[in-house]
Amino acid sequence: MTPATRQEVLGLYRKILQIAKNWQSASGQVEETMREKEYIRNEARTLFRKNKNVTDPKLIKQCIEECEARIEIGLHYNIPYPRPIHLPPMGLAHKQGRTLRHQEKLRKISKPIYLKSHDEVS
């Protein structure tokens, strides 16, 4: 990891912790706000620790893009949780000649960048 990339990653981590510190839930209830703040901190801690040994520059760039996307979506919609995708279970492939393996591959490819690591952690 280059020093510039390291600084970018640490800056994102600090930004997430700052967001968690100042977070207010959409409902305004204190207990929900505390739950969401804790979720933000735990999710960031888990994902950053999981990816701390990543050395491939392309994979690092993908993780940074995912982090930035989740930050922007969370701030825009005022929800800390990843937004789910709504795809029908067998809605991506033609009904004839496609196997389940191909169906799973299409679902994986169609998954938005902000959900790439969510299934691995949850």
PDB file of N, CA and C in Angstrom:
ATOM      1  N   MET A   1       0.858  -1.172   0.000  1.00  0.00           N
ATOM      2  CA  MET A   1       0.000   0.000   0.000  1.00  0.00           C
ATOM      3  C   MET A   1       0.901   1.231   0.000  1.00  0.00           C
ATOM      4  N   THR A   2       0.607   2.142  -0.893  1.00  0.00           N
ATOM      5  CA  THR A   2       1.403   3.365  -0.961  1.00  0.00           C
ATOM      6  C   THR A   2       1.023   4.280   0.195  1.00  0.00           C
ATOM      7  N   PRO A   3       1.923   5.179   0.564  1.00  0.00           N
ATOM      8  CA  PRO A   3       1.601   6.117   1.659  1.00  0.00           C
ATOM      9  C   PRO A   3       0.358   6.972   1.368  1.00  0.00           C
ATOM     10  N   ALA A   4       0.173   7.346   0.104  1.00  0.00           N
ATOM     11  CA  ALA A   4      -1.006   8.148  -0.242  1.00  0.00           C
ATOM     12  C   ALA A   4      -2.290   7.347  -0.058  1.00  0.00           C
ATOM     13  N   THR A   5      -2.253   6.086  -0.455  1.00  0.00           N
ATOM     14  CA  THR A   5      -3.421   5.223  -0.288  1.00  0.00           C
ATOM     15  C   THR A   5      -3.700   4.998   1.189  1.00  0.00           C
ATOM     16  N   ARG A   6      -2.636   4.789   1.953  1.00  0.00           N
ATOM     17  CA  ARG A   6      -2.795   4.586   3.394  1.00  0.00           C
ATOM     18  C   ARG A   6      -3.456   5.807   4.031  1.00  0.00           C
ATOM     19  N   GLN A   7      -3.018   6.993   3.647  1.00  0.00           N
ATOM     20  CA  GLN A   7      -3.610   8.218   4.184  1.00  0.00           C
ATOM     21  C   GLN A   7      -5.076   8.350   3.775  1.00  0.00           C
ATOM     22  N   GLU A   8      -5.386   7.942   2.539  1.00  0.00           N
ATOM     23  CA  GLU A   8      -6.782   8.001   2.074  1.00  0.00           C
ATOM     24  C   GLU A   8      -7.665   7.062   2.893  1.00  0.00           C
ATOM     25  N   VAL A   9      -7.171   5.848   3.141  1.00  0.00           N
ATOM     26  CA  VAL A   9      -7.932   4.865   3.907  1.00  0.00           C
ATOM     27  C   VAL A   9      -8.125   5.342   5.344  1.00  0.00           C
ATOM     28  N   LEU A  10      -7.054   5.839   5.958  1.00  0.00           N
ATOM     29  CA  LEU A  10      -7.172   6.342   7.332  1.00  0.00           C
ATOM     30  C   LEU A  10      -8.103   7.552   7.395  1.00  0.00           C
ATOM     31  N   GLY A  11      -8.071   8.383   6.363  1.00  0.00           N
ATOM     32  CA  GLY A  11      -8.986   9.530   6.300  1.00  0.00           C
ATOM     33  C   GLY A  11     -10.442   9.083   6.225  1.00  0.00           C
ATOM     34  N   LEU A  12     -10.702   8.029   5.445  1.00  0.00           N
ATOM     35  CA  LEU A  12     -12.066   7.492   5.369  1.00  0.00           C
ATOM     36  C   LEU A  12     -12.508   6.938   6.717  1.00  0.00           C
ATOM     37  N   TYR A  13     -11.601   6.250   7.398  1.00  0.00           N
ATOM     38  CA  TYR A  13     -11.939   5.689   8.711  1.00  0.00           C
ATOM     39  C   TYR A  13     -12.268   6.807   9.698  1.00  0.00           C
ATOM     40  N   ARG A  14     -11.448   7.857   9.695  1.00  0.00           N
ATOM     41  CA  ARG A  14     -11.719   9.004  10.583  1.00  0.00           C
ATOM     42  C   ARG A  14     -13.046   9.665  10.217  1.00  0.00           C
ATOM     43  N   LYS A  15     -13.318   9.770   8.918  1.00  0.00           N
ATOM     44  CA  LYS A  15     -14.575  10.382   8.472  1.00  0.00           C
ATOM     45  C   LYS A  15     -15.776   9.585   8.967  1.00  0.00           C
ATOM     46  N   ILE A  16     -15.676   8.257   8.897  1.00  0.00           N
ATOM     47  CA  ILE A  16     -16.770   7.402   9.366  1.00  0.00           C
ATOM     48  C   ILE A  16     -16.972   7.571  10.869  1.00  0.00           C
ATOM     49  N   LEU A  17     -15.876   7.599  11.616  1.00  0.00           N
ATOM     50  CA  LEU A  17     -16.004   7.777  13.067  1.00  0.00           C
ATOM     51  C   LEU A  17     -16.598   9.144  13.408  1.00  0.00           C
ATOM     52  N   GLN A  18     -16.251  10.154  12.626  1.00  0.00           N
ATOM     53  CA  GLN A  18     -16.827  11.491  12.843  1.00  0.00           C
ATOM     54  C   GLN A  18     -18.323  11.489  12.519  1.00  0.00           C
ATOM     55  N   ILE A  19     -18.699  10.804  11.452  1.00  0.00           N
ATOM     56  CA  ILE A  19     -20.126  10.681  11.105  1.00  0.00           C
ATOM     57  C   ILE A  19     -20.871   9.981  12.232  1.00  0.00           C
ATOM     58  N   ALA A  20     -20.286   8.896  12.760  1.00  0.00           N
ATOM     59  CA  ALA A  20     -20.927   8.158  13.855  1.00  0.00           C
ATOM     60  C   ALA A  20     -21.087   9.045  15.083  1.00  0.00           C
ATOM     61  N   LYS A  21     -20.100   9.861  15.343  1.00  0.00           N
ATOM     62  CA  LYS A  21     -20.136  10.738  16.519  1.00  0.00           C
ATOM     63  C   LYS A  21     -21.284  11.753  16.418  1.00  0.00           C
ATOM     64  N   ASN A  22     -21.526  12.264  15.205  1.00  0.00           N
ATOM     65  CA  ASN A  22     -22.534  13.310  15.004  1.00  0.00           C
ATOM     66  C   ASN A  22     -23.859  12.767  14.459  1.00  0.00           C
ATOM     67  N   TRP A  23     -24.017  11.460  14.400  1.00  0.00           N
ATOM     68  CA  TRP A  23     -25.192  10.850  13.773  1.00  0.00           C
ATOM     69  C   TRP A  23     -26.474  11.117  14.562  1.00  0.00           C
ATOM     70  N   GLN A  24     -27.545  11.404  13.838  1.00  0.00           N
ATOM     71  CA  GLN A  24     -28.886  11.531  14.408  1.00  0.00           C
ATOM     72  C   GLN A  24     -29.802  10.635  13.595  1.00  0.00           C
ATOM     73  N   SER A  25     -30.563   9.790  14.259  1.00  0.00           N
ATOM     74  CA  SER A  25     -31.467   8.895  13.530  1.00  0.00           C
ATOM     75  C   SER A  25     -32.610   9.694  12.913  1.00  0.00           C
ATOM     76  N   ALA A  26     -33.239   9.102  11.917  1.00  0.00           N
ATOM     77  CA  ALA A  26     -34.346   9.767  11.235  1.00  0.00           C
ATOM     78  C   ALA A  26     -35.526   9.976  12.170  1.00  0.00           C
ATOM     79  N   SER A  27     -35.727   9.055  13.116  1.00  0.00           N
ATOM     80  CA  SER A  27     -36.859   9.176  14.032  1.00  0.00           C
ATOM     81  C   SER A  27     -36.585  10.183  15.146  1.00  0.00           C
ATOM     82  N   GLY A  28     -35.312  10.425  15.429  1.00  0.00           N
ATOM     83  CA  GLY A  28     -34.958  11.363  16.494  1.00  0.00           C
ATOM     84  C   GLY A  28     -34.972  10.751  17.888  1.00  0.00           C
ATOM     85  N   GLN A  29     -35.303   9.476  18.011  1.00  0.00           N
ATOM     86  CA  GLN A  29     -35.321   8.825  19.315  1.00  0.00           C
ATOM     87  C   GLN A  29     -33.898   8.547  19.772  1.00  0.00           C
ATOM     88  N   VAL A  30     -33.656   8.775  21.037  1.00  0.00           N
ATOM     89  CA  VAL A  30     -32.306   8.660  21.590  1.00  0.00           C
ATOM     90  C   VAL A  30     -31.791   7.230  21.498  1.00  0.00           C
ATOM     91  N   GLU A  31     -32.609   6.250  21.871  1.00  0.00           N
ATOM     92  CA  GLU A  31     -32.131   4.860  21.858  1.00  0.00           C
ATOM     93  C   GLU A  31     -31.853   4.367  20.441  1.00  0.00           C
ATOM     94  N   GLU A  32     -32.656   4.801  19.483  1.00  0.00           N
ATOM     95  CA  GLU A  32     -32.407   4.414  18.091  1.00  0.00           C
ATOM     96  C   GLU A  32     -31.141   5.087  17.571  1.00  0.00           C
ATOM     97  N   THR A  33     -30.932   6.336  17.946  1.00  0.00           N
ATOM     98  CA  THR A  33     -29.713   7.042  17.553  1.00  0.00           C
ATOM     99  C   THR A  33     -28.487   6.332  18.106  1.00  0.00           C
ATOM    100  N   MET A  34     -28.543   5.910  19.353  1.00  0.00           N
ATOM    101  CA  MET A  34     -27.409   5.212  19.962  1.00  0.00           C
ATOM    102  C   MET A  34     -27.148   3.874  19.264  1.00  0.00           C
ATOM    103  N   ARG A  35     -28.220   3.151  18.923  1.00  0.00           N
ATOM    104  CA  ARG A  35     -28.076   1.876  18.211  1.00  0.00           C
ATOM    105  C   ARG A  35     -27.420   2.076  16.847  1.00  0.00           C
ATOM    106  N   GLU A  36     -27.860   3.112  16.137  1.00  0.00           N
ATOM    107  CA  GLU A  36     -27.311   3.380  14.812  1.00  0.00           C
ATOM    108  C   GLU A  36     -25.856   3.850  14.889  1.00  0.00           C
ATOM    109  N   LYS A  37     -25.524   4.663  15.890  1.00  0.00           N
ATOM    110  CA  LYS A  37     -24.130   5.080  16.081  1.00  0.00           C
ATOM    111  C   LYS A  37     -23.238   3.875  16.334  1.00  0.00           C
ATOM    112  N   GLU A  38     -23.704   2.971  17.182  1.00  0.00           N
ATOM    113  CA  GLU A  38     -22.928   1.771  17.498  1.00  0.00           C
ATOM    114  C   GLU A  38     -22.789   0.881  16.260  1.00  0.00           C
ATOM    115  N   TYR A  39     -23.854   0.784  15.470  1.00  0.00           N
ATOM    116  CA  TYR A  39     -23.791  -0.004  14.242  1.00  0.00           C
ATOM    117  C   TYR A  39     -22.736   0.568  13.291  1.00  0.00           C
ATOM    118  N   ILE A  40     -22.723   1.869  13.122  1.00  0.00           N
ATOM    119  CA  ILE A  40     -21.753   2.511  12.221  1.00  0.00           C
ATOM    120  C   ILE A  40     -20.333   2.206  12.685  1.00  0.00           C
ATOM    121  N   ARG A  41     -20.072   2.378  13.965  1.00  0.00           N
ATOM    122  CA  ARG A  41     -18.717   2.113  14.483  1.00  0.00           C
ATOM    123  C   ARG A  41     -18.336   0.643  14.324  1.00  0.00           C
ATOM    124  N   ASN A  42     -19.244  -0.267  14.673  1.00  0.00           N
ATOM    125  CA  ASN A  42     -18.940  -1.695  14.575  1.00  0.00           C
ATOM    126  C   ASN A  42     -18.744  -2.144  13.130  1.00  0.00           C
ATOM    127  N   GLU A  43     -19.584  -1.662  12.241  1.00  0.00           N
ATOM    128  CA  GLU A  43     -19.473  -2.026  10.826  1.00  0.00           C
ATOM    129  C   GLU A  43     -18.147  -1.526  10.253  1.00  0.00           C
ATOM    130  N   ALA A  44     -17.785  -0.298  10.558  1.00  0.00           N
ATOM    131  CA  ALA A  44     -16.515   0.247  10.075  1.00  0.00           C
ATOM    132  C   ALA A  44     -15.351  -0.552  10.647  1.00  0.00           C
ATOM    133  N   ARG A  45     -15.376  -0.798  11.926  1.00  0.00           N
ATOM    134  CA  ARG A  45     -14.288  -1.544  12.573  1.00  0.00           C
ATOM    135  C   ARG A  45     -14.137  -2.930  11.951  1.00  0.00           C
ATOM    136  N   THR A  46     -15.247  -3.621  11.767  1.00  0.00           N
ATOM    137  CA  THR A  46     -15.225  -4.975  11.214  1.00  0.00           C
ATOM    138  C   THR A  46     -14.681  -4.984   9.790  1.00  0.00           C
ATOM    139  N   LEU A  47     -15.190  -4.099   8.943  1.00  0.00           N
ATOM    140  CA  LEU A  47     -14.768  -4.098   7.541  1.00  0.00           C
ATOM    141  C   LEU A  47     -13.321  -3.635   7.376  1.00  0.00           C
ATOM    142  N   PHE A  48     -12.908  -2.627   8.136  1.00  0.00           N
ATOM    143  CA  PHE A  48     -11.530  -2.158   8.011  1.00  0.00           C
ATOM    144  C   PHE A  48     -10.557  -3.217   8.520  1.00  0.00           C
ATOM    145  N   ARG A  49     -10.899  -3.905   9.599  1.00  0.00           N
ATOM    146  CA  ARG A  49     -10.022  -4.979  10.091  1.00  0.00           C
ATOM    147  C   ARG A  49      -9.987  -6.152   9.122  1.00  0.00           C
ATOM    148  N   LYS A  50     -11.122  -6.458   8.517  1.00  0.00           N
ATOM    149  CA  LYS A  50     -11.181  -7.564   7.566  1.00  0.00           C
ATOM    150  C   LYS A  50     -10.281  -7.298   6.358  1.00  0.00           C
ATOM    151  N   ASN A  51     -10.202  -6.053   5.944  1.00  0.00           N
ATOM    152  CA  ASN A  51      -9.456  -5.694   4.745  1.00  0.00           C
ATOM    153  C   ASN A  51      -8.073  -5.122   5.025  1.00  0.00           C
ATOM    154  N   LYS A  52      -7.587  -5.204   6.248  1.00  0.00           N
ATOM    155  CA  LYS A  52      -6.309  -4.567   6.566  1.00  0.00           C
ATOM    156  C   LYS A  52      -5.123  -5.228   5.876  1.00  0.00           C
ATOM    157  N   ASN A  53      -5.231  -6.492   5.491  1.00  0.00           N
ATOM    158  CA  ASN A  53      -4.118  -7.180   4.838  1.00  0.00           C
ATOM    159  C   ASN A  53      -4.244  -7.226   3.318  1.00  0.00           C
ATOM    160  N   VAL A  54      -5.173  -6.497   2.753  1.00  0.00           N
ATOM    161  CA  VAL A  54      -5.344  -6.464   1.303  1.00  0.00           C
ATOM    162  C   VAL A  54      -4.177  -5.694   0.697  1.00  0.00           C
ATOM    163  N   THR A  55      -3.539  -6.282  -0.311  1.00  0.00           N
ATOM    164  CA  THR A  55      -2.383  -5.624  -0.938  1.00  0.00           C
ATOM    165  C   THR A  55      -2.594  -5.331  -2.418  1.00  0.00           C
ATOM    166  N   ASP A  56      -3.586  -5.958  -3.029  1.00  0.00           N
ATOM    167  CA  ASP A  56      -3.855  -5.742  -4.446  1.00  0.00           C
ATOM    168  C   ASP A  56      -4.411  -4.335  -4.663  1.00  0.00           C
ATOM    169  N   PRO A  57      -3.738  -3.495  -5.471  1.00  0.00           N
ATOM    170  CA  PRO A  57      -4.209  -2.106  -5.670  1.00  0.00           C
ATOM    171  C   PRO A  57      -5.629  -2.010  -6.219  1.00  0.00           C
ATOM    172  N   LYS A  58      -6.008  -2.933  -7.105  1.00  0.00           N
ATOM    173  CA  LYS A  58      -7.375  -2.895  -7.653  1.00  0.00           C
ATOM    174  C   LYS A  58      -8.407  -3.198  -6.570  1.00  0.00           C
ATOM    175  N   LEU A  59      -8.102  -4.164  -5.724  1.00  0.00           N
ATOM    176  CA  LEU A  59      -9.017  -4.518  -4.640  1.00  0.00           C
ATOM    177  C   LEU A  59      -9.096  -3.397  -3.597  1.00  0.00           C
ATOM    178  N   ILE A  60      -7.968  -2.758  -3.318  1.00  0.00           N
ATOM    179  CA  ILE A  60      -7.957  -1.611  -2.401  1.00  0.00           C
ATOM    180  C   ILE A  60      -8.823  -0.496  -2.955  1.00  0.00           C
ATOM    181  N   LYS A  61      -8.683  -0.216  -4.255  1.00  0.00           N
ATOM    182  CA  LYS A  61      -9.482   0.831  -4.897  1.00  0.00           C
ATOM    183  C   LYS A  61     -10.975   0.489  -4.825  1.00  0.00           C
ATOM    184  N   GLN A  62     -11.303  -0.794  -5.025  1.00  0.00           N
ATOM    185  CA  GLN A  62     -12.705  -1.219  -4.946  1.00  0.00           C
ATOM    186  C   GLN A  62     -13.249  -1.037  -3.530  1.00  0.00           C
ATOM    187  N   CYS A  63     -12.451  -1.359  -2.521  1.00  0.00           N
ATOM    188  CA  CYS A  63     -12.884  -1.184  -1.127  1.00  0.00           C
ATOM    189  C   CYS A  63     -13.093   0.294  -0.805  1.00  0.00           C
ATOM    190  N   ILE A  64     -12.202   1.147  -1.302  1.00  0.00           N
ATOM    191  CA  ILE A  64     -12.337   2.591  -1.081  1.00  0.00           C
ATOM    192  C   ILE A  64     -13.607   3.108  -1.742  1.00  0.00           C
ATOM    193  N   GLU A  65     -13.872   2.658  -2.973  1.00  0.00           N
ATOM    194  CA  GLU A  65     -15.083   3.092  -3.674  1.00  0.00           C
ATOM    195  C   GLU A  65     -16.340   2.630  -2.941  1.00  0.00           C
ATOM    196  N   GLU A  66     -16.299   1.401  -2.421  1.00  0.00           N
ATOM    197  CA  GLU A  66     -17.448   0.890  -1.661  1.00  0.00           C
ATOM    198  C   GLU A  66     -17.674   1.738  -0.416  1.00  0.00           C
ATOM    199  N   CYS A  67     -16.600   2.062   0.274  1.00  0.00           N
ATOM    200  CA  CYS A  67     -16.705   2.867   1.489  1.00  0.00           C
ATOM    201  C   CYS A  67     -17.300   4.240   1.183  1.00  0.00           C
ATOM    202  N   GLU A  68     -16.781   4.876   0.138  1.00  0.00           N
ATOM    203  CA  GLU A  68     -17.294   6.200  -0.232  1.00  0.00           C
ATOM    204  C   GLU A  68     -18.764   6.133  -0.634  1.00  0.00           C
ATOM    205  N   ALA A  69     -19.142   5.084  -1.359  1.00  0.00           N
ATOM    206  CA  ALA A  69     -20.536   4.932  -1.777  1.00  0.00           C
ATOM    207  C   ALA A  69     -21.446   4.740  -0.567  1.00  0.00           C
ATOM    208  N   ARG A  70     -21.020   3.911   0.383  1.00  0.00           N
ATOM    209  CA  ARG A  70     -21.853   3.685   1.576  1.00  0.00           C
ATOM    210  C   ARG A  70     -21.972   4.945   2.417  1.00  0.00           C
ATOM    211  N   ILE A  71     -20.907   5.735   2.484  1.00  0.00           N
ATOM    212  CA  ILE A  71     -20.967   7.001   3.223  1.00  0.00           C
ATOM    213  C   ILE A  71     -21.992   7.927   2.576  1.00  0.00           C
ATOM    214  N   GLU A  72     -21.885   8.090   1.264  1.00  0.00           N
ATOM    215  CA  GLU A  72     -22.790   8.998   0.558  1.00  0.00           C
ATOM    216  C   GLU A  72     -24.242   8.541   0.645  1.00  0.00           C
ATOM    217  N   ILE A  73     -24.484   7.260   0.481  1.00  0.00           N
ATOM    218  CA  ILE A  73     -25.854   6.740   0.556  1.00  0.00           C
ATOM    219  C   ILE A  73     -26.396   6.895   1.975  1.00  0.00           C
ATOM    220  N   GLY A  74     -25.582   6.590   2.957  1.00  0.00           N
ATOM    221  CA  GLY A  74     -26.017   6.725   4.348  1.00  0.00           C
ATOM    222  C   GLY A  74     -26.375   8.155   4.706  1.00  0.00           C
ATOM    223  N   LEU A  75     -25.551   9.096   4.266  1.00  0.00           N
ATOM    224  CA  LEU A  75     -25.831  10.499   4.557  1.00  0.00           C
ATOM    225  C   LEU A  75     -27.039  11.001   3.771  1.00  0.00           C
ATOM    226  N   HIS A  76     -27.168  10.562   2.523  1.00  0.00           N
ATOM    227  CA  HIS A  76     -28.274  11.031   1.697  1.00  0.00           C
ATOM    228  C   HIS A  76     -29.626  10.531   2.223  1.00  0.00           C
ATOM    229  N   TYR A  77     -29.708   9.249   2.528  1.00  0.00           N
ATOM    230  CA  TYR A  77     -30.975   8.673   2.970  1.00  0.00           C
ATOM    231  C   TYR A  77     -31.148   8.696   4.486  1.00  0.00           C
ATOM    232  N   ASN A  78     -30.130   9.112   5.200  1.00  0.00           N
ATOM    233  CA  ASN A  78     -30.135   9.183   6.658  1.00  0.00           C
ATOM    234  C   ASN A  78     -30.421   7.813   7.290  1.00  0.00           C
ATOM    235  N   ILE A  79     -29.814   6.784   6.693  1.00  0.00           N
ATOM    236  CA  ILE A  79     -29.869   5.444   7.267  1.00  0.00           C
ATOM    237  C   ILE A  79     -28.456   4.867   7.250  1.00  0.00           C
ATOM    238  N   PRO A  80     -28.014   4.265   8.330  1.00  0.00           N
ATOM    239  CA  PRO A  80     -26.657   3.729   8.352  1.00  0.00           C
ATOM    240  C   PRO A  80     -26.535   2.353   7.706  1.00  0.00           C
ATOM    241  N   TYR A  81     -27.655   1.685   7.494  1.00  0.00           N
ATOM    242  CA  TYR A  81     -27.628   0.317   6.986  1.00  0.00           C
ATOM    243  C   TYR A  81     -27.553   0.328   5.462  1.00  0.00           C
ATOM    244  N   PRO A  82     -26.923  -0.701   4.877  1.00  0.00           N
ATOM    245  CA  PRO A  82     -26.866  -0.752   3.409  1.00  0.00           C
ATOM    246  C   PRO A  82     -28.268  -0.904   2.832  1.00  0.00           C
ATOM    247  N   ARG A  83     -28.518  -0.208   1.742  1.00  0.00           N
ATOM    248  CA  ARG A  83     -29.815  -0.316   1.079  1.00  0.00           C
ATOM    249  C   ARG A  83     -29.870  -1.641   0.330  1.00  0.00           C
ATOM    250  N   PRO A  84     -30.926  -2.414   0.534  1.00  0.00           N
ATOM    251  CA  PRO A  84     -31.013  -3.711  -0.147  1.00  0.00           C
ATOM    252  C   PRO A  84     -31.307  -3.553  -1.634  1.00  0.00           C
ATOM    253  N   ILE A  85     -30.921  -4.555  -2.383  1.00  0.00           N
ATOM    254  CA  ILE A  85     -31.290  -4.567  -3.788  1.00  0.00           C
ATOM    255  C   ILE A  85     -32.544  -5.417  -3.919  1.00  0.00           C
ATOM    256  N   HIS A  86     -33.379  -5.051  -4.843  1.00  0.00           N
ATOM    257  CA  HIS A  86     -34.637  -5.771  -5.021  1.00  0.00           C
ATOM    258  C   HIS A  86     -34.641  -6.431  -6.394  1.00  0.00           C
ATOM    259  N   LEU A  87     -34.129  -7.649  -6.435  1.00  0.00           N
ATOM    260  CA  LEU A  87     -34.140  -8.426  -7.664  1.00  0.00           C
ATOM    261  C   LEU A  87     -34.925  -9.706  -7.410  1.00  0.00           C
ATOM    262  N   PRO A  88     -35.798 -10.072  -8.317  1.00  0.00           N
ATOM    263  CA  PRO A  88     -36.498 -11.340  -8.137  1.00  0.00           C
ATOM    264  C   PRO A  88     -35.499 -12.494  -8.190  1.00  0.00           C
ATOM    265  N   PRO A  89     -35.739 -13.564  -7.450  1.00  0.00           N
ATOM    266  CA  PRO A  89     -34.772 -14.665  -7.359  1.00  0.00           C
ATOM    267  C   PRO A  89     -34.309 -15.223  -8.700  1.00  0.00           C
ATOM    268  N   MET A  90     -35.187 -15.374  -9.661  1.00  0.00           N
ATOM    269  CA  MET A  90     -34.797 -15.922 -10.957  1.00  0.00           C
ATOM    270  C   MET A  90     -35.084 -14.913 -12.063  1.00  0.00           C
ATOM    271  N   GLY A  91     -34.942 -13.640 -11.781  1.00  0.00           N
ATOM    272  CA  GLY A  91     -35.344 -12.629 -12.737  1.00  0.00           C
ATOM    273  C   GLY A  91     -34.266 -12.112 -13.658  1.00  0.00           C
ATOM    274  N   LEU A  92     -33.057 -12.639 -13.608  1.00  0.00           N
ATOM    275  CA  LEU A  92     -31.993 -12.093 -14.431  1.00  0.00           C
ATOM    276  C   LEU A  92     -31.720 -12.883 -15.698  1.00  0.00           C
ATOM    277  N   ALA A  93     -32.055 -14.131 -15.733  1.00  0.00           N
ATOM    278  CA  ALA A  93     -31.721 -14.968 -16.879  1.00  0.00           C
ATOM    279  C   ALA A  93     -32.979 -15.422 -17.602  1.00  0.00           C
ATOM    280  N   HIS A  94     -32.777 -15.867 -18.834  1.00  0.00           N
ATOM    281  CA  HIS A  94     -33.877 -16.434 -19.602  1.00  0.00           C
ATOM    282  C   HIS A  94     -34.309 -17.744 -18.954  1.00  0.00           C
ATOM    283  N   LYS A  95     -35.525 -18.109 -19.151  1.00  0.00           N
ATOM    284  CA  LYS A  95     -36.045 -19.314 -18.515  1.00  0.00           C
ATOM    285  C   LYS A  95     -35.541 -20.589 -19.195  1.00  0.00           C
ATOM    286  N   GLN A  96     -35.012 -20.476 -20.398  1.00  0.00           N
ATOM    287  CA  GLN A  96     -34.560 -21.660 -21.129  1.00  0.00           C
ATOM    288  C   GLN A  96     -33.037 -21.698 -21.187  1.00  0.00           C
ATOM    289  N   GLY A  97     -32.463 -22.850 -20.840  1.00  0.00           N
ATOM    290  CA  GLY A  97     -31.051 -23.088 -21.056  1.00  0.00           C
ATOM    291  C   GLY A  97     -30.088 -22.456 -20.056  1.00  0.00           C
ATOM    292  N   ARG A  98     -30.553 -21.810 -19.055  1.00  0.00           N
ATOM    293  CA  ARG A  98     -29.655 -21.194 -18.073  1.00  0.00           C
ATOM    294  C   ARG A  98     -29.626 -22.036 -16.814  1.00  0.00           C
ATOM    295  N   THR A  99     -28.442 -22.258 -16.274  1.00  0.00           N
ATOM    296  CA  THR A  99     -28.329 -23.051 -15.056  1.00  0.00           C
ATOM    297  C   THR A  99     -28.361 -22.151 -13.843  1.00  0.00           C
ATOM    298  N   LEU A 100     -28.532 -22.767 -12.695  1.00  0.00           N
ATOM    299  CA  LEU A 100     -28.558 -22.016 -11.446  1.00  0.00           C
ATOM    300  C   LEU A 100     -27.216 -21.341 -11.194  1.00  0.00           C
ATOM    301  N   ARG A 101     -26.119 -22.000 -11.572  1.00  0.00           N
ATOM    302  CA  ARG A 101     -24.796 -21.411 -11.385  1.00  0.00           C
ATOM    303  C   ARG A 101     -24.668 -20.093 -12.167  1.00  0.00           C
ATOM    304  N   HIS A 102     -25.173 -20.105 -13.381  1.00  0.00           N
ATOM    305  CA  HIS A 102     -25.141 -18.888 -14.187  1.00  0.00           C
ATOM    306  C   HIS A 102     -26.018 -17.803 -13.562  1.00  0.00           C
ATOM    307  N   GLN A 103     -27.147 -18.233 -13.015  1.00  0.00           N
ATOM    308  CA  GLN A 103     -28.051 -17.307 -12.330  1.00  0.00           C
ATOM    309  C   GLN A 103     -27.344 -16.635 -11.149  1.00  0.00           C
ATOM    310  N   GLU A 104     -26.613 -17.418 -10.357  1.00  0.00           N
ATOM    311  CA  GLU A 104     -25.872 -16.869  -9.215  1.00  0.00           C
ATOM    312  C   GLU A 104     -24.776 -15.912  -9.684  1.00  0.00           C
ATOM    313  N   LYS A 105     -24.123 -16.249 -10.780  1.00  0.00           N
ATOM    314  CA  LYS A 105     -23.077 -15.378 -11.328  1.00  0.00           C
ATOM    315  C   LYS A 105     -23.678 -14.034 -11.750  1.00  0.00           C
ATOM    316  N   LEU A 106     -24.813 -14.062 -12.403  1.00  0.00           N
ATOM    317  CA  LEU A 106     -25.473 -12.825 -12.818  1.00  0.00           C
ATOM    318  C   LEU A 106     -25.885 -11.975 -11.619  1.00  0.00           C
ATOM    319  N   ARG A 107     -26.380 -12.623 -10.560  1.00  0.00           N
ATOM    320  CA  ARG A 107     -26.771 -11.882  -9.357  1.00  0.00           C
ATOM    321  C   ARG A 107     -25.545 -11.229  -8.711  1.00  0.00           C
ATOM    322  N   LYS A 108     -24.419 -11.950  -8.696  1.00  0.00           N
ATOM    323  CA  LYS A 108     -23.197 -11.410  -8.105  1.00  0.00           C
ATOM    324  C   LYS A 108     -22.693 -10.212  -8.902  1.00  0.00           C
ATOM    325  N   ILE A 109     -22.739 -10.314 -10.217  1.00  0.00           N
ATOM    326  CA  ILE A 109     -22.294  -9.216 -11.070  1.00  0.00           C
ATOM    327  C   ILE A 109     -23.205  -8.003 -10.905  1.00  0.00           C
ATOM    328  N   SER A 110     -24.499  -8.233 -10.730  1.00  0.00           N
ATOM    329  CA  SER A 110     -25.453  -7.129 -10.660  1.00  0.00           C
ATOM    330  C   SER A 110     -25.502  -6.465  -9.290  1.00  0.00           C
ATOM    331  N   LYS A 111     -24.796  -7.014  -8.301  1.00  0.00           N
ATOM    332  CA  LYS A 111     -24.827  -6.456  -6.951  1.00  0.00           C
ATOM    333  C   LYS A 111     -24.151  -5.087  -6.935  1.00  0.00           C
ATOM    334  N   PRO A 112     -24.789  -4.069  -6.377  1.00  0.00           N
ATOM    335  CA  PRO A 112     -24.187  -2.734  -6.323  1.00  0.00           C
ATOM    336  C   PRO A 112     -22.899  -2.738  -5.508  1.00  0.00           C
ATOM    337  N   ILE A 113     -22.032  -1.781  -5.792  1.00  0.00           N
ATOM    338  CA  ILE A 113     -20.728  -1.725  -5.133  1.00  0.00           C
ATOM    339  C   ILE A 113     -20.863  -1.546  -3.628  1.00  0.00           C
ATOM    340  N   TYR A 114     -21.888  -0.874  -3.171  1.00  0.00           N
ATOM    341  CA  TYR A 114     -22.013  -0.622  -1.737  1.00  0.00           C
ATOM    342  C   TYR A 114     -22.459  -1.857  -0.952  1.00  0.00           C
ATOM    343  N   LEU A 115     -22.749  -2.960  -1.635  1.00  0.00           N
ATOM    344  CA  LEU A 115     -23.139  -4.189  -0.945  1.00  0.00           C
ATOM    345  C   LEU A 115     -22.135  -5.319  -1.134  1.00  0.00           C
ATOM    346  N   LYS A 116     -20.986  -5.062  -1.754  1.00  0.00           N
ATOM    347  CA  LYS A 116     -20.023  -6.123  -2.057  1.00  0.00           C
ATOM    348  C   LYS A 116     -19.561  -6.840  -0.797  1.00  0.00           C
ATOM    349  N   SER A 117     -19.252  -6.143   0.265  1.00  0.00           N
ATOM    350  CA  SER A 117     -18.720  -6.791   1.462  1.00  0.00           C
ATOM    351  C   SER A 117     -19.791  -7.036   2.529  1.00  0.00           C
ATOM    352  N   HIS A 118     -20.995  -6.572   2.320  1.00  0.00           N
ATOM    353  CA  HIS A 118     -22.028  -6.678   3.347  1.00  0.00           C
ATOM    354  C   HIS A 118     -22.383  -8.129   3.653  1.00  0.00           C
ATOM    355  N   ASP A 119     -22.558  -8.962   2.637  1.00  0.00           N
ATOM    356  CA  ASP A 119     -22.938 -10.358   2.862  1.00  0.00           C
ATOM    357  C   ASP A 119     -21.835 -11.141   3.524  1.00  0.00           C
ATOM    358  N   GLU A 120     -20.585 -10.772   3.295  1.00  0.00           N
ATOM    359  CA  GLU A 120     -19.459 -11.482   3.889  1.00  0.00           C
ATOM    360  C   GLU A 120     -19.380 -11.249   5.390  1.00  0.00           C
ATOM    361  N   VAL A 121     -19.804 -10.079   5.858  1.00  0.00           N
ATOM    362  CA  VAL A 121     -19.695  -9.721   7.266  1.00  0.00           C
ATOM    363  C   VAL A 121     -20.939 -10.120   8.044  1.00  0.00           C
ATOM    364  N   SER A 122     -22.136  -9.898   7.481  1.00  0.00           N
ATOM    365  CA  SER A 122     -23.381 -10.154   8.193  1.00  0.00           C
ATOM    366  C   SER A 122     -23.601 -11.603   8.454  1.00  0.00           C
TER     367      SER A 122
END
